[in-house]
Amino acid sequence: MPVTGPAYIPLGEPDGRSRWEFAHDGRRFAVFAVDDDGVDELVVVDALCPHRQGRLTDGLIRDGAIVCPSHWYRFDLATGECRTTPDYRLTRYPVVVRDGVAYAEIAPRKPRSWSAILRAHAAGRSTG
């Protein structure tokens, strides 16, 4: 199966929302409108926590980090780094603006071996 270039998914307008989700290619993504000196910066990350798949849009944003509602893991929205443990990291996706419209740049998934899928499943991580 050939790997193609990234997809550009329109994010829509915040319309007063500070967070929302969208789906693409069987995956879910979270969008956070983070106030940066009075201007909302749109940050796109995976919608599920890499620890135990908690839904991040249900979490709290504190001190520039999203706090997972399931086990309180904290992820820096600027870098994706976990402030709780170095074992986890959120993938952060670039946001590009074209003609005034914000898009998430989503790279295609890399094919995974059955071995990698089974190891992830055994460790309780997403197999998607």
Protein backbone atom coordinates (compact mmCIF):
# COMPACT_ATOMS: atom_id res chain seq x y z
CA MET A 1 0.00 0.00 0.00
CA PRO A 2 1.64 3.29 -1.08
CA VAL A 3 2.02 6.06 1.47
CA THR A 4 0.66 9.40 0.26
CA GLY A 5 1.21 12.95 1.47
CA PRO A 6 -0.53 14.62 4.38
CA ALA A 7 -4.24 15.41 4.43
CA TYR A 8 -5.39 18.93 5.27
CA ILE A 9 -8.55 18.83 7.38
CA PRO A 10 -10.47 22.10 7.95
CA LEU A 11 -10.89 22.84 11.66
CA GLY A 12 -13.83 25.22 11.45
CA GLU A 13 -14.29 28.20 13.73
CA PRO A 14 -14.14 27.97 17.54
CA ASP A 15 -17.50 29.83 17.76
CA GLY A 16 -16.99 30.26 21.49
CA ARG A 17 -15.84 26.67 22.00
CA SER A 18 -12.48 26.06 23.62
CA ARG A 19 -12.25 22.41 22.48
CA TRP A 20 -13.80 20.01 20.00
CA GLU A 21 -13.04 16.78 18.14
CA PHE A 22 -12.97 15.63 14.55
CA ALA A 23 -12.36 12.30 12.84
CA HIS A 24 -10.20 11.46 9.86
CA ASP A 25 -9.09 8.12 8.42
CA GLY A 26 -10.52 6.14 11.34
CA ARG A 27 -8.73 8.30 13.93
CA ARG A 28 -9.99 10.97 16.35
CA PHE A 29 -8.29 14.29 16.96
CA ALA A 30 -8.83 17.01 19.55
CA VAL A 31 -8.66 20.73 18.84
CA PHE A 32 -7.97 23.18 21.66
CA ALA A 33 -8.33 26.95 21.27
CA VAL A 34 -5.60 28.13 23.63
CA ASP A 35 -5.59 31.81 24.56
CA ASP A 36 -2.20 33.30 23.74
CA ASP A 37 -2.24 36.99 24.74
CA GLY A 38 -5.86 37.44 23.72
CA VAL A 39 -5.57 35.48 20.46
CA ASP A 40 -6.84 31.92 20.21
CA GLU A 41 -4.13 29.57 18.94
CA LEU A 42 -5.53 26.28 17.62
CA VAL A 43 -3.66 23.21 18.86
CA VAL A 44 -4.41 19.76 17.37
CA VAL A 45 -3.46 16.52 19.17
CA ASP A 46 -4.72 12.95 19.29
CA ALA A 47 -8.12 12.89 21.01
CA LEU A 48 -7.23 10.03 23.37
CA CYS A 49 -4.64 10.02 26.12
CA PRO A 50 -1.72 7.71 25.29
CA HIS A 51 -1.78 6.32 28.85
CA ARG A 52 -5.18 4.63 29.02
CA GLN A 53 -7.17 6.27 26.23
CA GLY A 54 -9.03 8.90 28.31
CA ARG A 55 -10.94 11.42 26.20
CA LEU A 56 -8.82 14.57 26.36
CA THR A 57 -11.58 16.99 25.35
CA ASP A 58 -13.23 16.11 28.68
CA GLY A 59 -10.08 17.22 30.56
CA LEU A 60 -9.09 20.50 32.11
CA ILE A 61 -6.62 22.98 30.68
CA ARG A 62 -4.30 24.31 33.39
CA ASP A 63 -1.02 26.20 33.00
CA GLY A 64 -0.72 25.41 29.29
CA ALA A 65 -1.39 21.70 29.76
CA ILE A 66 -4.35 19.41 29.14
CA VAL A 67 -5.11 17.21 32.15
CA CYS A 68 -6.54 13.81 31.23
CA PRO A 69 -9.80 13.22 33.15
CA SER A 70 -9.10 9.50 33.62
CA HIS A 71 -5.81 9.43 35.55
CA TRP A 72 -4.72 13.09 35.70
CA TYR A 73 -1.76 12.80 33.34
CA ARG A 74 -0.74 16.31 32.24
CA PHE A 75 0.40 17.05 28.67
CA ASP A 76 2.01 20.32 27.63
CA LEU A 77 -0.03 21.67 24.72
CA ALA A 78 2.97 23.56 23.30
CA THR A 79 5.22 20.50 23.02
CA GLY A 80 3.10 17.36 23.59
CA GLU A 81 5.44 16.29 26.42
CA CYS A 82 3.90 14.59 29.43
CA ARG A 83 4.56 16.55 32.61
CA THR A 84 3.63 13.52 34.72
CA THR A 85 6.05 10.95 33.30
CA PRO A 86 8.46 10.79 30.35
CA ASP A 87 6.88 7.48 29.28
CA TYR A 88 4.10 9.20 27.29
CA ARG A 89 3.82 11.99 24.75
CA LEU A 90 0.98 13.48 22.74
CA THR A 91 1.43 13.81 19.03
CA ARG A 92 0.89 17.42 18.06
CA TYR A 93 -0.22 18.11 14.49
CA PRO A 94 0.69 21.28 12.58
CA VAL A 95 -2.05 23.82 11.96
CA VAL A 96 -1.75 25.76 8.72
CA VAL A 97 -3.87 28.69 7.61
CA ARG A 98 -4.77 29.07 3.94
CA ASP A 99 -6.98 31.90 2.72
CA GLY A 100 -8.08 32.54 6.30
CA VAL A 101 -9.11 28.91 6.96
CA ALA A 102 -7.27 26.79 9.56
CA TYR A 103 -6.42 23.20 8.63
CA ALA A 104 -4.81 20.35 10.56
CA GLU A 105 -1.98 18.70 8.67
CA ILE A 106 -2.45 14.97 9.28
CA ALA A 107 0.25 12.63 7.99
CA PRO A 108 -0.92 9.22 6.79
CA ARG A 109 -0.53 6.32 9.16
CA LYS A 110 2.53 4.19 8.76
CA PRO A 111 1.74 0.50 8.30
CA ARG A 112 2.34 -1.47 11.51
CA SER A 113 3.39 -5.07 11.83
CA TRP A 114 1.22 -7.60 13.65
CA SER A 115 3.98 -7.85 16.22
CA ALA A 116 3.80 -4.11 16.98
CA ILE A 117 -0.01 -4.23 17.14
CA LEU A 118 0.02 -7.17 19.57
CA ARG A 119 2.68 -5.55 21.80
CA ALA A 120 0.64 -2.33 21.97
CA HIS A 121 -2.51 -4.29 22.78
CA ALA A 122 -0.77 -6.25 25.54
CA ALA A 123 0.52 -2.98 27.03
CA GLY A 124 -3.00 -1.50 26.99
CA ARG A 125 -2.20 1.09 24.31
CA SER A 126 -4.23 1.91 21.24
CA THR A 127 -3.90 -0.58 18.42
CA GLY A 128 -5.24 1.86 15.80
